[in-house]
PDB file of N, CA and C in Angstrom:
ATOM      1  N   UNK A   1      35.511  48.539  31.745  1.00  0.00           N
ATOM      2  CA  UNK A   1      36.757  48.979  32.349  1.00  0.00           C
ATOM      3  C   UNK A   1      36.716  50.110  33.190  1.00  0.00           C
ATOM      4  N   UNK A   2      37.258  49.922  34.562  1.00  0.00           N
ATOM      5  CA  UNK A   2      37.231  51.140  35.319  1.00  0.00           C
ATOM      6  C   UNK A   2      38.028  52.348  34.897  1.00  0.00           C
ATOM      7  N   UNK A   3      37.677  53.489  35.404  1.00  0.00           N
ATOM      8  CA  UNK A   3      38.547  54.743  34.848  1.00  0.00           C
ATOM      9  C   UNK A   3      39.862  54.849  35.566  1.00  0.00           C
ATOM     10  N   UNK A   4      39.755  53.738  36.894  1.00  0.00           N
ATOM     11  CA  UNK A   4      40.923  53.850  37.604  1.00  0.00           C
ATOM     12  C   UNK A   4      42.363  52.846  37.042  1.00  0.00           C
ATOM     13  N   UNK A   5      41.814  52.075  35.948  1.00  0.00           N
ATOM     14  CA  UNK A   5      42.846  51.174  35.364  1.00  0.00           C
ATOM     15  C   UNK A   5      42.908  51.811  33.831  1.00  0.00           C
ATOM     16  N   UNK A   6      43.823  52.038  33.322  1.00  0.00           N
ATOM     17  CA  UNK A   6      44.053  52.392  31.923  1.00  0.00           C
ATOM     18  C   UNK A   6      44.492  51.241  31.041  1.00  0.00           C
ATOM     19  N   UNK A   7      44.117  51.352  30.046  1.00  0.00           N
ATOM     20  CA  UNK A   7      44.554  50.177  28.870  1.00  0.00           C
ATOM     21  C   UNK A   7      45.923  50.626  28.453  1.00  0.00           C
ATOM     22  N   UNK A   8      46.867  49.647  28.093  1.00  0.00           N
ATOM     23  CA  UNK A   8      48.211  50.101  27.562  1.00  0.00           C
ATOM     24  C   UNK A   8      48.179  49.026  26.234  1.00  0.00           C
ATOM     25  N   UNK A   9      49.095  49.419  25.311  1.00  0.00           N
ATOM     26  CA  UNK A   9      49.340  48.874  24.111  1.00  0.00           C
ATOM     27  C   UNK A   9      50.739  48.617  23.721  1.00  0.00           C
ATOM     28  N   UNK A  10      51.190  48.153  22.865  1.00  0.00           N
ATOM     29  CA  UNK A  10      52.685  47.889  22.545  1.00  0.00           C
ATOM     30  C   UNK A  10      53.057  49.454  22.255  1.00  0.00           C
ATOM     31  N   UNK A  11      52.339  50.255  21.671  1.00  0.00           N
ATOM     32  CA  UNK A  11      52.820  51.556  21.161  1.00  0.00           C
ATOM     33  C   UNK A  11      52.991  52.364  22.348  1.00  0.00           C
ATOM     34  N   UNK A  12      52.216  52.150  23.435  1.00  0.00           N
ATOM     35  CA  UNK A  12      51.973  53.233  24.649  1.00  0.00           C
ATOM     36  C   UNK A  12      52.752  52.615  25.907  1.00  0.00           C
ATOM     37  N   UNK A  13      53.318  51.288  25.893  1.00  0.00           N
ATOM     38  CA  UNK A  13      53.810  50.411  26.951  1.00  0.00           C
ATOM     39  C   UNK A  13      55.025  51.252  27.176  1.00  0.00           C
ATOM     40  N   UNK A  14      55.996  51.570  26.572  1.00  0.00           N
ATOM     41  CA  UNK A  14      57.063  52.646  27.032  1.00  0.00           C
ATOM     42  C   UNK A  14      56.674  53.675  27.813  1.00  0.00           C
ATOM     43  N   UNK A  15      55.896  54.697  27.356  1.00  0.00           N
ATOM     44  CA  UNK A  15      55.503  55.665  27.851  1.00  0.00           C
ATOM     45  C   UNK A  15      54.612  55.575  29.245  1.00  0.00           C
ATOM     46  N   UNK A  16      53.620  54.517  28.962  1.00  0.00           N
ATOM     47  CA  UNK A  16      52.704  54.285  30.037  1.00  0.00           C
ATOM     48  C   UNK A  16      53.221  53.545  31.316  1.00  0.00           C
ATOM     49  N   UNK A  17      54.265  52.831  31.023  1.00  0.00           N
ATOM     50  CA  UNK A  17      55.030  51.892  32.310  1.00  0.00           C
ATOM     51  C   UNK A  17      56.319  52.043  32.330  1.00  0.00           C
ATOM     52  N   UNK A  18      57.134  52.001  31.437  1.00  0.00           N
ATOM     53  CA  UNK A  18      58.697  52.058  31.635  1.00  0.00           C
ATOM     54  C   UNK A  18      58.995  53.321  31.977  1.00  0.00           C
ATOM     55  N   UNK A  19      58.560  54.362  31.561  1.00  0.00           N
ATOM     56  CA  UNK A  19      58.861  55.745  31.728  1.00  0.00           C
ATOM     57  C   UNK A  19      58.326  56.489  33.024  1.00  0.00           C
ATOM     58  N   UNK A  20      57.427  55.636  33.685  1.00  0.00           N
ATOM     59  CA  UNK A  20      56.759  56.316  34.991  1.00  0.00           C
ATOM     60  C   UNK A  20      57.480  55.877  36.117  1.00  0.00           C
ATOM     61  N   UNK A  21      57.559  57.072  37.024  1.00  0.00           N
ATOM     62  CA  UNK A  21      58.191  56.965  38.377  1.00  0.00           C
ATOM     63  C   UNK A  21      56.998  56.439  39.316  1.00  0.00           C
ATOM     64  N   UNK A  22      57.593  55.677  40.316  1.00  0.00           N
ATOM     65  CA  UNK A  22      56.656  55.100  41.260  1.00  0.00           C
ATOM     66  C   UNK A  22      56.295  53.565  40.850  1.00  0.00           C
ATOM     67  N   UNK A  23      55.165  53.095  41.390  1.00  0.00           N
ATOM     68  CA  UNK A  23      54.833  51.540  41.277  1.00  0.00           C
ATOM     69  C   UNK A  23      53.559  51.504  40.144  1.00  0.00           C
ATOM     70  N   UNK A  24      53.917  50.713  39.390  1.00  0.00           N
ATOM     71  CA  UNK A  24      52.829  50.581  38.278  1.00  0.00           C
ATOM     72  C   UNK A  24      52.813  48.964  38.321  1.00  0.00           C
ATOM     73  N   UNK A  25      51.330  48.654  38.420  1.00  0.00           N
ATOM     74  CA  UNK A  25      51.119  47.112  38.036  1.00  0.00           C
ATOM     75  C   UNK A  25      50.318  47.023  36.860  1.00  0.00           C
ATOM     76  N   UNK A  26      51.082  46.029  35.821  1.00  0.00           N
ATOM     77  CA  UNK A  26      50.390  45.641  34.505  1.00  0.00           C
ATOM     78  C   UNK A  26      49.605  44.360  34.847  1.00  0.00           C
ATOM     79  N   UNK A  27      48.341  44.331  34.418  1.00  0.00           N
ATOM     80  CA  UNK A  27      47.730  43.245  34.227  1.00  0.00           C
ATOM     81  C   UNK A  27      47.783  42.756  32.990  1.00  0.00           C
ATOM     82  N   UNK A  28      48.531  41.757  32.645  1.00  0.00           N
ATOM     83  CA  UNK A  28      48.577  40.930  31.439  1.00  0.00           C
ATOM     84  C   UNK A  28      47.268  39.865  31.158  1.00  0.00           C
ATOM     85  N   UNK A  29      46.496  40.263  30.422  1.00  0.00           N
ATOM     86  CA  UNK A  29      45.084  39.613  30.293  1.00  0.00           C
ATOM     87  C   UNK A  29      44.509  39.238  28.881  1.00  0.00           C
ATOM     88  N   UNK A  30      43.645  38.735  28.855  1.00  0.00           N
ATOM     89  CA  UNK A  30      42.814  38.541  27.635  1.00  0.00           C
ATOM     90  C   UNK A  30      41.431  38.305  27.839  1.00  0.00           C
ATOM     91  N   UNK A  31      40.589  38.615  26.770  1.00  0.00           N
ATOM     92  CA  UNK A  31      39.017  38.605  26.950  1.00  0.00           C
ATOM     93  C   UNK A  31      38.659  37.229  27.128  1.00  0.00           C
ATOM     94  N   UNK A  32      39.180  36.473  26.530  1.00  0.00           N
ATOM     95  CA  UNK A  32      38.748  34.966  26.425  1.00  0.00           C
ATOM     96  C   UNK A  32      39.391  34.294  27.649  1.00  0.00           C
ATOM     97  N   UNK A  33      40.055  34.845  28.652  1.00  0.00           N
ATOM     98  CA  UNK A  33      40.575  34.183  29.916  1.00  0.00           C
ATOM     99  C   UNK A  33      39.530  34.204  30.920  1.00  0.00           C
ATOM    100  N   UNK A  34      39.060  33.210  31.383  1.00  0.00           N
ATOM    101  CA  UNK A  34      38.250  33.069  32.484  1.00  0.00           C
ATOM    102  C   UNK A  34      38.694  33.622  33.851  1.00  0.00           C
ATOM    103  N   UNK A  35      39.728  33.454  34.119  1.00  0.00           N
ATOM    104  CA  UNK A  35      40.529  33.765  35.309  1.00  0.00           C
ATOM    105  C   UNK A  35      40.972  35.288  35.432  1.00  0.00           C
ATOM    106  N   UNK A  36      41.214  35.659  34.283  1.00  0.00           N
ATOM    107  CA  UNK A  36      41.414  37.222  33.897  1.00  0.00           C
ATOM    108  C   UNK A  36      40.297  38.038  34.071  1.00  0.00           C
ATOM    109  N   UNK A  37      38.866  37.450  33.787  1.00  0.00           N
ATOM    110  CA  UNK A  37      37.811  38.166  33.912  1.00  0.00           C
ATOM    111  C   UNK A  37      37.352  38.300  35.380  1.00  0.00           C
ATOM    112  N   UNK A  38      37.706  37.278  35.997  1.00  0.00           N
ATOM    113  CA  UNK A  38      37.363  36.695  37.524  1.00  0.00           C
ATOM    114  C   UNK A  38      38.270  38.004  38.413  1.00  0.00           C
ATOM    115  N   UNK A  39      39.499  38.217  38.137  1.00  0.00           N
ATOM    116  CA  UNK A  39      40.113  39.267  38.973  1.00  0.00           C
ATOM    117  C   UNK A  39      40.048  40.438  38.544  1.00  0.00           C
ATOM    118  N   UNK A  40      39.498  40.763  37.188  1.00  0.00           N
ATOM    119  CA  UNK A  40      39.220  42.097  36.871  1.00  0.00           C
ATOM    120  C   UNK A  40      38.433  43.058  37.971  1.00  0.00           C
ATOM    121  N   UNK A  41      37.426  42.593  38.447  1.00  0.00           N
ATOM    122  CA  UNK A  41      36.699  43.453  39.479  1.00  0.00           C
ATOM    123  C   UNK A  41      37.608  43.814  40.620  1.00  0.00           C
ATOM    124  N   UNK A  42      38.553  42.723  41.157  1.00  0.00           N
ATOM    125  CA  UNK A  42      39.353  42.868  42.179  1.00  0.00           C
ATOM    126  C   UNK A  42      40.493  44.092  41.969  1.00  0.00           C
ATOM    127  N   UNK A  43      40.869  43.834  40.724  1.00  0.00           N
ATOM    128  CA  UNK A  43      41.919  44.783  40.349  1.00  0.00           C
ATOM    129  C   UNK A  43      41.485  46.280  40.299  1.00  0.00           C
ATOM    130  N   UNK A  44      40.104  46.646  39.978  1.00  0.00           N
ATOM    131  CA  UNK A  44      39.637  47.722  39.860  1.00  0.00           C
ATOM    132  C   UNK A  44      39.129  48.344  41.241  1.00  0.00           C
ATOM    133  N   UNK A  45      38.873  47.439  42.203  1.00  0.00           N
ATOM    134  CA  UNK A  45      38.628  47.834  43.546  1.00  0.00           C
ATOM    135  C   UNK A  45      40.142  48.298  44.224  1.00  0.00           C
ATOM    136  N   UNK A  46      41.077  47.631  43.755  1.00  0.00           N
ATOM    137  CA  UNK A  46      42.297  47.825  44.353  1.00  0.00           C
ATOM    138  C   UNK A  46      42.849  49.141  43.942  1.00  0.00           C
ATOM    139  N   UNK A  47      42.673  49.460  42.439  1.00  0.00           N
ATOM    140  CA  UNK A  47      43.025  50.596  41.697  1.00  0.00           C
ATOM    141  C   UNK A  47      42.504  51.755  42.543  1.00  0.00           C
ATOM    142  N   UNK A  48      41.255  51.533  42.838  1.00  0.00           N
ATOM    143  CA  UNK A  48      40.489  52.823  43.429  1.00  0.00           C
ATOM    144  C   UNK A  48      41.008  53.064  44.992  1.00  0.00           C
ATOM    145  N   UNK A  49      41.162  52.024  45.630  1.00  0.00           N
ATOM    146  CA  UNK A  49      41.776  52.180  47.014  1.00  0.00           C
ATOM    147  C   UNK A  49      43.176  52.455  47.009  1.00  0.00           C
ATOM    148  N   UNK A  50      44.041  52.160  46.061  1.00  0.00           N
ATOM    149  CA  UNK A  50      45.327  52.827  46.120  1.00  0.00           C
ATOM    150  C   UNK A  50      45.816  53.784  45.327  1.00  0.00           C
ATOM    151  N   UNK A  51      44.785  54.435  44.778  1.00  0.00           N
ATOM    152  CA  UNK A  51      44.744  55.588  43.618  1.00  0.00           C
ATOM    153  C   UNK A  51      45.735  56.546  44.385  1.00  0.00           C
ATOM    154  N   UNK A  52      46.540  57.238  43.528  1.00  0.00           N
ATOM    155  CA  UNK A  52      47.783  58.199  44.061  1.00  0.00           C
ATOM    156  C   UNK A  52      48.965  57.319  44.587  1.00  0.00           C
ATOM    157  N   UNK A  53      48.724  56.218  44.903  1.00  0.00           N
ATOM    158  CA  UNK A  53      50.036  55.539  45.542  1.00  0.00           C
ATOM    159  C   UNK A  53      50.410  54.397  44.355  1.00  0.00           C
ATOM    160  N   UNK A  54      49.688  53.938  43.605  1.00  0.00           N
ATOM    161  CA  UNK A  54      49.949  52.734  42.779  1.00  0.00           C
ATOM    162  C   UNK A  54      49.157  52.931  41.280  1.00  0.00           C
ATOM    163  N   UNK A  55      49.659  52.875  40.225  1.00  0.00           N
ATOM    164  CA  UNK A  55      49.046  52.901  38.873  1.00  0.00           C
ATOM    165  C   UNK A  55      48.663  51.459  38.492  1.00  0.00           C
ATOM    166  N   UNK A  56      47.516  51.457  38.296  1.00  0.00           N
ATOM    167  CA  UNK A  56      47.361  50.021  37.496  1.00  0.00           C
ATOM    168  C   UNK A  56      46.837  50.249  35.883  1.00  0.00           C
ATOM    169  N   UNK A  57      47.470  49.355  35.157  1.00  0.00           N
ATOM    170  CA  UNK A  57      47.307  49.289  33.707  1.00  0.00           C
ATOM    171  C   UNK A  57      46.896  47.807  33.227  1.00  0.00           C
ATOM    172  N   UNK A  58      46.243  47.632  32.128  1.00  0.00           N
ATOM    173  CA  UNK A  58      45.861  46.534  31.603  1.00  0.00           C
ATOM    174  C   UNK A  58      46.362  46.344  30.262  1.00  0.00           C
ATOM    175  N   UNK A  59      47.132  45.207  30.104  1.00  0.00           N
ATOM    176  CA  UNK A  59      47.569  44.819  28.660  1.00  0.00           C
ATOM    177  C   UNK A  59      47.072  43.754  28.120  1.00  0.00           C
ATOM    178  N   UNK A  60      46.356  43.932  27.022  1.00  0.00           N
ATOM    179  CA  UNK A  60      45.668  42.843  26.404  1.00  0.00           C
ATOM    180  C   UNK A  60      46.578  42.201  25.687  1.00  0.00           C
ATOM    181  N   UNK A  61      46.943  40.939  26.014  1.00  0.00           N
ATOM    182  CA  UNK A  61      47.986  39.785  25.350  1.00  0.00           C
ATOM    183  C   UNK A  61      47.848  39.934  23.737  1.00  0.00           C
ATOM    184  N   UNK A  62      46.484  39.853  23.384  1.00  0.00           N
ATOM    185  CA  UNK A  62      46.029  39.974  22.024  1.00  0.00           C
ATOM    186  C   UNK A  62      46.311  41.100  21.333  1.00  0.00           C
ATOM    187  N   UNK A  63      46.409  42.215  21.965  1.00  0.00           N
ATOM    188  CA  UNK A  63      46.622  43.586  21.490  1.00  0.00           C
ATOM    189  C   UNK A  63      48.091  44.173  21.861  1.00  0.00           C
ATOM    190  N   UNK A  64      48.687  43.638  22.752  1.00  0.00           N
ATOM    191  CA  UNK A  64      50.091  44.116  23.114  1.00  0.00           C
ATOM    192  C   UNK A  64      50.939  42.998  23.124  1.00  0.00           C
ATOM    193  N   UNK A  65      50.935  42.129  22.263  1.00  0.00           N
ATOM    194  CA  UNK A  65      51.695  41.168  22.071  1.00  0.00           C
ATOM    195  C   UNK A  65      53.203  41.188  22.149  1.00  0.00           C
ATOM    196  N   UNK A  66      53.527  42.199  21.551  1.00  0.00           N
ATOM    197  CA  UNK A  66      55.102  42.378  21.585  1.00  0.00           C
ATOM    198  C   UNK A  66      55.636  42.799  23.152  1.00  0.00           C
ATOM    199  N   UNK A  67      54.769  43.604  23.930  1.00  0.00           N
ATOM    200  CA  UNK A  67      55.173  43.581  25.449  1.00  0.00           C
ATOM    201  C   UNK A  67      55.160  42.207  26.127  1.00  0.00           C
ATOM    202  N   UNK A  68      54.036  41.599  25.778  1.00  0.00           N
ATOM    203  CA  UNK A  68      53.680  40.444  26.428  1.00  0.00           C
ATOM    204  C   UNK A  68      55.050  39.352  26.287  1.00  0.00           C
ATOM    205  N   UNK A  69      55.583  39.404  25.069  1.00  0.00           N
ATOM    206  CA  UNK A  69      56.625  38.615  24.463  1.00  0.00           C
ATOM    207  C   UNK A  69      58.055  38.854  25.090  1.00  0.00           C
ATOM    208  N   UNK A  70      58.117  40.508  25.043  1.00  0.00           N
ATOM    209  CA  UNK A  70      59.395  41.035  25.795  1.00  0.00           C
ATOM    210  C   UNK A  70      59.526  40.640  27.248  1.00  0.00           C
ATOM    211  N   UNK A  71      58.419  40.699  27.909  1.00  0.00           N
ATOM    212  CA  UNK A  71      58.634  40.274  29.380  1.00  0.00           C
ATOM    213  C   UNK A  71      58.260  38.759  29.850  1.00  0.00           C
ATOM    214  N   UNK A  72      58.317  38.024  28.631  1.00  0.00           N
ATOM    215  CA  UNK A  72      58.089  36.515  28.830  1.00  0.00           C
ATOM    216  C   UNK A  72      56.892  36.260  29.675  1.00  0.00           C
ATOM    217  N   UNK A  73      55.666  36.830  29.153  1.00  0.00           N
ATOM    218  CA  UNK A  73      54.354  36.368  29.530  1.00  0.00           C
ATOM    219  C   UNK A  73      54.055  35.115  28.895  1.00  0.00           C
ATOM    220  N   UNK A  74      53.936  34.052  29.691  1.00  0.00           N
ATOM    221  CA  UNK A  74      53.568  32.595  29.324  1.00  0.00           C
ATOM    222  C   UNK A  74      52.188  31.999  29.752  1.00  0.00           C
ATOM    223  N   UNK A  75      51.698  32.784  30.783  1.00  0.00           N
ATOM    224  CA  UNK A  75      50.485  32.162  31.343  1.00  0.00           C
ATOM    225  C   UNK A  75      49.767  33.690  31.920  1.00  0.00           C
ATOM    226  N   UNK A  76      48.473  33.487  31.586  1.00  0.00           N
ATOM    227  CA  UNK A  76      47.516  34.825  32.298  1.00  0.00           C
ATOM    228  C   UNK A  76      46.600  34.202  32.816  1.00  0.00           C
ATOM    229  N   UNK A  77      46.116  35.287  33.907  1.00  0.00           N
ATOM    230  CA  UNK A  77      46.507  36.366  34.198  1.00  0.00           C
ATOM    231  C   UNK A  77      47.991  36.488  34.771  1.00  0.00           C
ATOM    232  N   UNK A  78      48.690  37.496  34.305  1.00  0.00           N
ATOM    233  CA  UNK A  78      50.120  37.642  35.039  1.00  0.00           C
ATOM    234  C   UNK A  78      50.071  39.217  35.487  1.00  0.00           C
ATOM    235  N   UNK A  79      50.367  39.351  36.578  1.00  0.00           N
ATOM    236  CA  UNK A  79      50.459  40.650  37.054  1.00  0.00           C
ATOM    237  C   UNK A  79      52.016  41.087  37.263  1.00  0.00           C
ATOM    238  N   UNK A  80      52.372  42.080  36.633  1.00  0.00           N
ATOM    239  CA  UNK A  80      53.967  42.364  36.645  1.00  0.00           C
ATOM    240  C   UNK A  80      54.034  43.792  37.356  1.00  0.00           C
ATOM    241  N   UNK A  81      54.636  43.838  38.535  1.00  0.00           N
ATOM    242  CA  UNK A  81      54.787  44.986  39.216  1.00  0.00           C
ATOM    243  C   UNK A  81      56.140  45.720  38.914  1.00  0.00           C
ATOM    244  N   UNK A  82      56.113  46.890  38.318  1.00  0.00           N
ATOM    245  CA  UNK A  82      57.062  47.909  38.008  1.00  0.00           C
ATOM    246  C   UNK A  82      57.358  48.989  39.146  1.00  0.00           C
ATOM    247  N   UNK A  83      58.653  49.116  39.368  1.00  0.00           N
ATOM    248  CA  UNK A  83      59.106  50.280  40.334  1.00  0.00           C
ATOM    249  C   UNK A  83      60.100  51.116  39.314  1.00  0.00           C
ATOM    250  N   UNK A  84      59.709  52.312  39.186  1.00  0.00           N
ATOM    251  CA  UNK A  84      60.394  53.272  38.476  1.00  0.00           C
ATOM    252  C   UNK A  84      60.587  52.733  37.033  1.00  0.00           C
ATOM    253  N   UNK A  85      59.709  52.118  36.418  1.00  0.00           N
ATOM    254  CA  UNK A  85      60.021  51.718  35.105  1.00  0.00           C
ATOM    255  C   UNK A  85      60.693  50.257  34.929  1.00  0.00           C
ATOM    256  N   UNK A  86      61.020  49.641  35.891  1.00  0.00           N
ATOM    257  CA  UNK A  86      61.695  48.443  36.052  1.00  0.00           C
ATOM    258  C   UNK A  86      60.908  47.287  36.681  1.00  0.00           C
ATOM    259  N   UNK A  87      60.839  46.041  36.191  1.00  0.00           N
ATOM    260  CA  UNK A  87      60.063  45.028  36.728  1.00  0.00           C
ATOM    261  C   UNK A  87      61.026  44.720  38.060  1.00  0.00           C
ATOM    262  N   UNK A  88      59.891  44.507  39.081  1.00  0.00           N
ATOM    263  CA  UNK A  88      60.435  44.409  40.531  1.00  0.00           C
ATOM    264  C   UNK A  88      59.717  43.127  40.911  1.00  0.00           C
ATOM    265  N   UNK A  89      58.450  42.742  40.497  1.00  0.00           N
ATOM    266  CA  UNK A  89      57.987  41.390  40.986  1.00  0.00           C
ATOM    267  C   UNK A  89      56.963  41.042  39.990  1.00  0.00           C
ATOM    268  N   UNK A  90      56.452  39.787  40.100  1.00  0.00           N
ATOM    269  CA  UNK A  90      55.331  39.375  39.479  1.00  0.00           C
ATOM    270  C   UNK A  90      54.671  38.263  40.145  1.00  0.00           C
ATOM    271  N   UNK A  91      53.259  38.164  39.693  1.00  0.00           N
ATOM    272  CA  UNK A  91      52.553  37.144  40.148  1.00  0.00           C
ATOM    273  C   UNK A  91      51.574  36.434  38.992  1.00  0.00           C
ATOM    274  N   UNK A  92      51.474  35.089  38.951  1.00  0.00           N
ATOM    275  CA  UNK A  92      50.720  34.467  37.817  1.00  0.00           C
ATOM    276  C   UNK A  92      49.649  33.780  38.568  1.00  0.00           C
ATOM    277  N   UNK A  93      48.479  33.937  37.850  1.00  0.00           N
ATOM    278  CA  UNK A  93      47.118  33.251  38.419  1.00  0.00           C
ATOM    279  C   UNK A  93      46.311  34.310  38.987  1.00  0.00           C
ATOM    280  N   UNK A  94      45.217  33.846  39.174  1.00  0.00           N
ATOM    281  CA  UNK A  94      44.025  34.665  39.920  1.00  0.00           C
ATOM    282  C   UNK A  94      44.331  34.375  41.455  1.00  0.00           C
ATOM    283  N   UNK A  95      44.454  35.572  41.964  1.00  0.00           N
ATOM    284  CA  UNK A  95      44.463  35.709  43.577  1.00  0.00           C
ATOM    285  C   UNK A  95      43.627  36.404  44.135  1.00  0.00           C
ATOM    286  N   UNK A  96      43.286  36.287  45.236  1.00  0.00           N
ATOM    287  CA  UNK A  96      42.096  37.124  46.269  1.00  0.00           C
ATOM    288  C   UNK A  96      42.674  38.394  46.320  1.00  0.00           C
ATOM    289  N   UNK A  97      41.778  39.232  46.680  1.00  0.00           N
ATOM    290  CA  UNK A  97      42.167  40.772  46.918  1.00  0.00           C
ATOM    291  C   UNK A  97      42.964  41.045  48.206  1.00  0.00           C
ATOM    292  N   UNK A  98      42.813  40.330  49.354  1.00  0.00           N
ATOM    293  CA  UNK A  98      43.694  40.549  50.186  1.00  0.00           C
ATOM    294  C   UNK A  98      45.004  40.116  49.893  1.00  0.00           C
ATOM    295  N   UNK A  99      45.138  39.161  49.220  1.00  0.00           N
ATOM    296  CA  UNK A  99      46.732  38.541  48.956  1.00  0.00           C
ATOM    297  C   UNK A  99      47.139  39.645  48.091  1.00  0.00           C
ATOM    298  N   UNK A 100      46.632  39.969  46.996  1.00  0.00           N
ATOM    299  CA  UNK A 100      46.983  41.061  46.019  1.00  0.00           C
ATOM    300  C   UNK A 100      47.497  42.269  46.499  1.00  0.00           C
ATOM    301  N   UNK A 101      46.448  42.680  47.685  1.00  0.00           N
ATOM    302  CA  UNK A 101      46.827  43.897  48.215  1.00  0.00           C
ATOM    303  C   UNK A 101      48.120  44.069  49.168  1.00  0.00           C
ATOM    304  N   UNK A 102      48.232  42.811  49.757  1.00  0.00           N
ATOM    305  CA  UNK A 102      49.560  42.723  50.605  1.00  0.00           C
ATOM    306  C   UNK A 102      50.853  42.619  49.619  1.00  0.00           C
ATOM    307  N   UNK A 103      50.631  41.904  48.501  1.00  0.00           N
ATOM    308  CA  UNK A 103      51.567  41.720  47.444  1.00  0.00           C
ATOM    309  C   UNK A 103      52.210  43.255  46.932  1.00  0.00           C
ATOM    310  N   UNK A 104      51.090  43.964  46.692  1.00  0.00           N
ATOM    311  CA  UNK A 104      51.277  45.344  46.100  1.00  0.00           C
ATOM    312  C   UNK A 104      51.776  46.347  47.157  1.00  0.00           C
ATOM    313  N   UNK A 105      51.331  46.078  48.295  1.00  0.00           N
ATOM    314  CA  UNK A 105      51.766  47.339  49.529  1.00  0.00           C
ATOM    315  C   UNK A 105      53.333  47.077  49.914  1.00  0.00           C
ATOM    316  N   UNK A 106      53.679  45.763  49.802  1.00  0.00           N
ATOM    317  CA  UNK A 106      55.087  45.619  50.165  1.00  0.00           C
ATOM    318  C   UNK A 106      56.149  46.397  49.270  1.00  0.00           C
ATOM    319  N   UNK A 107      55.616  46.833  48.084  1.00  0.00           N
ATOM    320  CA  UNK A 107      56.350  47.777  47.348  1.00  0.00           C
ATOM    321  C   UNK A 107      56.133  49.232  47.355  1.00  0.00           C
ATOM    322  N   UNK A 108      55.311  49.484  48.183  1.00  0.00           N
ATOM    323  CA  UNK A 108      54.869  50.937  48.131  1.00  0.00           C
ATOM    324  C   UNK A 108      55.502  51.510  49.553  1.00  0.00           C
ATOM    325  N   UNK A 109      56.178  52.475  49.144  1.00  0.00           N
ATOM    326  CA  UNK A 109      56.809  53.223  50.204  1.00  0.00           C
ATOM    327  C   UNK A 109      55.764  54.023  51.392  1.00  0.00           C
TER     328      UNK A 109
END
């Protein structure tokens, strides 16, 4: 995992996501999910390109099941965008880099 993307767990979700100012993108994923592994490198590139503007974190649904359940994650990969700790948008399924960058950028001031 890239150093640009931090892992979060049930224990750290509140402090790492819900108490953060600005934009945080949470990648709900699992190691056994092929599409999740497919978009992993794309998210790492975006995290590096948007460093300082957007935080990217990964929540493994097998290890952060409570957070996944609380936010109604039913399919993965699921990217949930938080603004100032509140869910603002989400996208389900593997997407291309340009589409994801456009999606994130519309939420960045």
